[in-house]
Amino acid sequence: MTEKTRILVWGEYRHEKKNPKVAAIYPDGMHEAIAAPLRRDPLLEVSTAWLDQPSHGLSKEILDATDVLVWWGHIAAQRGIRRDRSRGQAPRA
């Protein structure tokens, strides 16, 4: 049996909450719009995370269980990244 590739699609999920036009296009967030077509592939295990979750959705446990991180940031990511780097928990490129 082939092991599935574990993909985490991360997004801020802020623009969708602040702008009604964006929310109308991405009601579940841009991260879910990116993740949805990936979930159709039976060889992928796809999950999502966003900025307002504990540890910004990027805890050590979650990152350790991730093979590929797809990062979508638009208006708020830099602030969160800077704060996590100071704790040594930012994802590594």
N, C-alpha and C. Protein backbone atom coordinates (compact mmCIF):
# COMPACT_ATOMS: atom_id res chain seq x y z
N MET A 1 0.84 -1.18 0.00
CA MET A 1 0.00 0.00 0.00
C MET A 1 0.89 1.25 0.00
N THR A 2 0.56 2.21 -0.82
CA THR A 2 1.30 3.46 -0.91
C THR A 2 0.88 4.40 0.21
N GLU A 3 1.89 4.99 0.87
CA GLU A 3 1.58 5.96 1.91
C GLU A 3 1.08 7.25 1.28
N LYS A 4 0.09 7.84 1.90
CA LYS A 4 -0.44 9.11 1.40
C LYS A 4 0.51 10.24 1.76
N THR A 5 0.58 11.23 0.87
CA THR A 5 1.33 12.44 1.15
C THR A 5 0.43 13.35 1.98
N ARG A 6 0.95 13.79 3.11
CA ARG A 6 0.16 14.61 4.04
C ARG A 6 0.40 16.09 3.73
N ILE A 7 -0.66 16.75 3.28
CA ILE A 7 -0.58 18.15 2.88
C ILE A 7 -1.39 19.00 3.85
N LEU A 8 -0.78 20.09 4.29
CA LEU A 8 -1.47 21.07 5.13
C LEU A 8 -1.57 22.36 4.33
N VAL A 9 -2.79 22.81 4.10
CA VAL A 9 -3.02 24.09 3.41
C VAL A 9 -3.33 25.11 4.48
N TRP A 10 -2.45 26.11 4.60
CA TRP A 10 -2.59 27.13 5.62
C TRP A 10 -3.04 28.44 4.99
N GLY A 11 -3.94 29.12 5.65
CA GLY A 11 -4.39 30.43 5.19
C GLY A 11 -4.70 31.33 6.37
N GLU A 12 -4.70 32.60 6.12
CA GLU A 12 -5.00 33.56 7.19
C GLU A 12 -6.45 33.48 7.63
N TYR A 13 -7.35 33.37 6.67
CA TYR A 13 -8.81 33.35 6.91
C TYR A 13 -9.26 34.65 7.57
N ARG A 14 -8.68 35.75 7.13
CA ARG A 14 -9.06 37.06 7.65
C ARG A 14 -9.80 37.88 6.59
N HIS A 15 -9.26 37.90 5.38
CA HIS A 15 -9.85 38.70 4.31
C HIS A 15 -11.30 38.26 4.06
N GLU A 16 -11.52 36.95 4.12
CA GLU A 16 -12.86 36.41 3.89
C GLU A 16 -13.85 36.86 4.96
N LYS A 17 -13.35 37.10 6.15
CA LYS A 17 -14.21 37.52 7.26
C LYS A 17 -14.47 39.02 7.25
N LYS A 18 -13.55 39.79 6.66
CA LYS A 18 -13.67 41.25 6.68
C LYS A 18 -14.37 41.82 5.45
N ASN A 19 -14.27 41.15 4.33
CA ASN A 19 -14.77 41.69 3.07
C ASN A 19 -15.91 40.81 2.55
N PRO A 20 -17.14 41.32 2.53
CA PRO A 20 -18.29 40.52 2.08
C PRO A 20 -18.15 39.99 0.65
N LYS A 21 -17.50 40.75 -0.23
CA LYS A 21 -17.31 40.28 -1.60
C LYS A 21 -16.39 39.06 -1.64
N VAL A 22 -15.35 39.09 -0.84
CA VAL A 22 -14.43 37.94 -0.77
C VAL A 22 -15.13 36.77 -0.11
N ALA A 23 -15.91 37.03 0.92
CA ALA A 23 -16.65 35.97 1.61
C ALA A 23 -17.65 35.29 0.68
N ALA A 24 -18.22 36.04 -0.23
CA ALA A 24 -19.17 35.46 -1.18
C ALA A 24 -18.48 34.49 -2.14
N ILE A 25 -17.24 34.78 -2.46
CA ILE A 25 -16.48 33.92 -3.38
C ILE A 25 -15.88 32.73 -2.63
N TYR A 26 -15.39 32.97 -1.42
CA TYR A 26 -14.72 31.94 -0.61
C TYR A 26 -15.42 31.80 0.74
N PRO A 27 -16.63 31.26 0.77
CA PRO A 27 -17.38 31.20 2.04
C PRO A 27 -16.69 30.35 3.11
N ASP A 28 -15.90 29.37 2.70
CA ASP A 28 -15.18 28.53 3.65
C ASP A 28 -13.71 28.91 3.77
N GLY A 29 -13.34 30.02 3.14
CA GLY A 29 -11.96 30.48 3.18
C GLY A 29 -11.18 30.07 1.94
N MET A 30 -10.19 30.86 1.63
CA MET A 30 -9.34 30.57 0.47
C MET A 30 -8.57 29.26 0.68
N HIS A 31 -8.21 28.98 1.92
CA HIS A 31 -7.49 27.74 2.21
C HIS A 31 -8.33 26.51 1.83
N GLU A 32 -9.63 26.58 2.06
CA GLU A 32 -10.50 25.46 1.67
C GLU A 32 -10.67 25.38 0.16
N ALA A 33 -10.68 26.53 -0.51
CA ALA A 33 -10.76 26.52 -1.98
C ALA A 33 -9.52 25.87 -2.59
N ILE A 34 -8.38 26.07 -1.95
CA ILE A 34 -7.14 25.43 -2.41
C ILE A 34 -7.14 23.94 -2.08
N ALA A 35 -7.62 23.61 -0.89
CA ALA A 35 -7.59 22.21 -0.43
C ALA A 35 -8.60 21.32 -1.16
N ALA A 36 -9.74 21.85 -1.53
CA ALA A 36 -10.83 21.03 -2.10
C ALA A 36 -10.40 20.19 -3.30
N PRO A 37 -9.77 20.76 -4.31
CA PRO A 37 -9.37 19.91 -5.45
C PRO A 37 -8.26 18.92 -5.08
N LEU A 38 -7.42 19.27 -4.13
CA LEU A 38 -6.37 18.34 -3.71
C LEU A 38 -6.97 17.11 -3.03
N ARG A 39 -8.08 17.30 -2.33
CA ARG A 39 -8.73 16.18 -1.62
C ARG A 39 -9.29 15.13 -2.58
N ARG A 40 -9.44 15.47 -3.84
CA ARG A 40 -9.95 14.49 -4.82
C ARG A 40 -8.91 13.42 -5.15
N ASP A 41 -7.66 13.70 -4.87
CA ASP A 41 -6.59 12.75 -5.17
C ASP A 41 -6.50 11.72 -4.04
N PRO A 42 -6.70 10.45 -4.35
CA PRO A 42 -6.69 9.43 -3.29
C PRO A 42 -5.31 9.22 -2.66
N LEU A 43 -4.26 9.76 -3.27
CA LEU A 43 -2.91 9.60 -2.72
C LEU A 43 -2.53 10.74 -1.77
N LEU A 44 -3.46 11.69 -1.57
CA LEU A 44 -3.19 12.82 -0.70
C LEU A 44 -4.10 12.80 0.52
N GLU A 45 -3.54 13.16 1.64
CA GLU A 45 -4.31 13.40 2.86
C GLU A 45 -4.19 14.90 3.13
N VAL A 46 -5.29 15.62 2.97
CA VAL A 46 -5.25 17.08 3.00
C VAL A 46 -6.00 17.63 4.21
N SER A 47 -5.34 18.54 4.91
CA SER A 47 -5.98 19.23 6.03
C SER A 47 -5.73 20.72 5.88
N THR A 48 -6.43 21.50 6.68
CA THR A 48 -6.28 22.95 6.62
C THR A 48 -6.05 23.51 8.01
N ALA A 49 -5.46 24.71 8.03
CA ALA A 49 -5.22 25.44 9.27
C ALA A 49 -5.26 26.92 8.94
N TRP A 50 -5.47 27.75 9.98
CA TRP A 50 -5.52 29.19 9.74
C TRP A 50 -5.00 29.94 10.95
N LEU A 51 -4.80 31.22 10.73
CA LEU A 51 -4.11 32.10 11.67
C LEU A 51 -4.74 32.16 13.06
N ASP A 52 -6.05 32.16 13.17
CA ASP A 52 -6.71 32.35 14.47
C ASP A 52 -6.82 31.09 15.30
N GLN A 53 -6.30 29.98 14.83
CA GLN A 53 -6.30 28.76 15.62
C GLN A 53 -5.16 28.82 16.65
N PRO A 54 -5.24 28.01 17.70
CA PRO A 54 -4.11 27.95 18.63
C PRO A 54 -2.80 27.64 17.87
N SER A 55 -1.74 28.32 18.22
CA SER A 55 -0.43 28.20 17.53
C SER A 55 -0.55 28.52 16.04
N HIS A 56 -1.56 29.30 15.70
CA HIS A 56 -1.84 29.67 14.30
C HIS A 56 -2.06 28.43 13.42
N GLY A 57 -2.51 27.34 14.05
CA GLY A 57 -2.74 26.10 13.32
C GLY A 57 -1.46 25.38 12.95
N LEU A 58 -0.33 25.82 13.51
CA LEU A 58 0.97 25.26 13.12
C LEU A 58 1.74 24.76 14.34
N SER A 59 1.08 23.97 15.16
CA SER A 59 1.77 23.42 16.33
C SER A 59 2.85 22.45 15.88
N LYS A 60 3.75 22.12 16.76
CA LYS A 60 4.81 21.17 16.44
C LYS A 60 4.21 19.83 16.00
N GLU A 61 3.17 19.40 16.67
CA GLU A 61 2.53 18.13 16.33
C GLU A 61 1.95 18.15 14.91
N ILE A 62 1.31 19.25 14.57
CA ILE A 62 0.71 19.36 13.24
C ILE A 62 1.81 19.40 12.18
N LEU A 63 2.84 20.21 12.41
CA LEU A 63 3.93 20.29 11.44
C LEU A 63 4.69 18.98 11.31
N ASP A 64 4.86 18.26 12.41
CA ASP A 64 5.52 16.96 12.35
C ASP A 64 4.72 15.94 11.54
N ALA A 65 3.41 16.13 11.47
CA ALA A 65 2.53 15.23 10.70
C ALA A 65 2.26 15.76 9.30
N THR A 66 3.09 16.68 8.82
CA THR A 66 2.89 17.32 7.52
C THR A 66 4.09 17.05 6.62
N ASP A 67 3.82 16.59 5.40
CA ASP A 67 4.89 16.40 4.42
C ASP A 67 5.06 17.64 3.55
N VAL A 68 3.94 18.28 3.22
CA VAL A 68 3.94 19.45 2.34
C VAL A 68 3.07 20.53 2.96
N LEU A 69 3.64 21.73 3.08
CA LEU A 69 2.89 22.88 3.60
C LEU A 69 2.63 23.84 2.45
N VAL A 70 1.35 24.09 2.18
CA VAL A 70 0.95 25.09 1.19
C VAL A 70 0.53 26.30 1.98
N TRP A 71 1.20 27.42 1.77
CA TRP A 71 1.04 28.62 2.60
C TRP A 71 0.36 29.69 1.78
N TRP A 72 -0.80 30.15 2.23
CA TRP A 72 -1.47 31.27 1.57
C TRP A 72 -1.59 32.41 2.56
N GLY A 73 -0.96 33.53 2.27
CA GLY A 73 -1.05 34.70 3.13
C GLY A 73 -1.34 35.93 2.30
N HIS A 74 -2.09 36.86 2.89
CA HIS A 74 -2.47 38.04 2.13
C HIS A 74 -2.36 39.31 2.96
N ILE A 75 -3.02 39.36 4.10
CA ILE A 75 -3.07 40.62 4.84
C ILE A 75 -2.54 40.55 6.26
N ALA A 76 -2.37 39.38 6.84
CA ALA A 76 -2.02 39.33 8.26
C ALA A 76 -0.89 38.35 8.59
N ALA A 77 -0.42 37.59 7.65
CA ALA A 77 0.51 36.50 7.95
C ALA A 77 1.83 36.98 8.53
N GLN A 78 2.38 38.05 8.04
CA GLN A 78 3.69 38.49 8.49
C GLN A 78 3.75 38.69 10.00
N ARG A 79 2.73 39.26 10.58
CA ARG A 79 2.73 39.49 12.02
C ARG A 79 2.79 38.16 12.78
N GLY A 80 2.01 37.21 12.37
CA GLY A 80 2.00 35.91 13.03
C GLY A 80 3.30 35.16 12.85
N ILE A 81 3.87 35.24 11.67
CA ILE A 81 5.13 34.55 11.40
C ILE A 81 6.23 35.11 12.29
N ARG A 82 6.34 36.41 12.36
CA ARG A 82 7.37 37.04 13.17
C ARG A 82 7.27 36.58 14.63
N ARG A 83 6.07 36.56 15.14
CA ARG A 83 5.88 36.17 16.54
C ARG A 83 6.29 34.72 16.74
N ASP A 84 5.94 33.81 15.84
CA ASP A 84 6.30 32.41 16.00
C ASP A 84 7.79 32.16 15.84
N ARG A 85 8.44 32.89 14.96
CA ARG A 85 9.89 32.71 14.80
C ARG A 85 10.60 32.97 16.11
N SER A 86 10.12 33.94 16.88
CA SER A 86 10.77 34.25 18.14
C SER A 86 10.66 33.07 19.12
N ARG A 87 9.67 32.22 18.91
CA ARG A 87 9.51 31.03 19.76
C ARG A 87 10.12 29.80 19.10
N GLY A 88 10.68 29.97 17.90
CA GLY A 88 11.30 28.85 17.21
C GLY A 88 10.31 27.88 16.62
N GLN A 89 9.09 28.31 16.35
CA GLN A 89 8.08 27.38 15.87
C GLN A 89 7.61 27.67 14.45
N ALA A 90 8.25 28.58 13.76
CA ALA A 90 7.82 28.88 12.39
C ALA A 90 8.19 27.72 11.49
N PRO A 91 7.37 27.45 10.48
CA PRO A 91 7.71 26.38 9.53
C PRO A 91 9.02 26.70 8.83
N ARG A 92 9.76 25.69 8.56
CA ARG A 92 11.05 25.86 7.90
C ARG A 92 10.91 25.65 6.42
N ALA A 93 11.53 26.52 5.63
CA ALA A 93 11.47 26.43 4.17
C ALA A 93 12.43 25.38 3.67
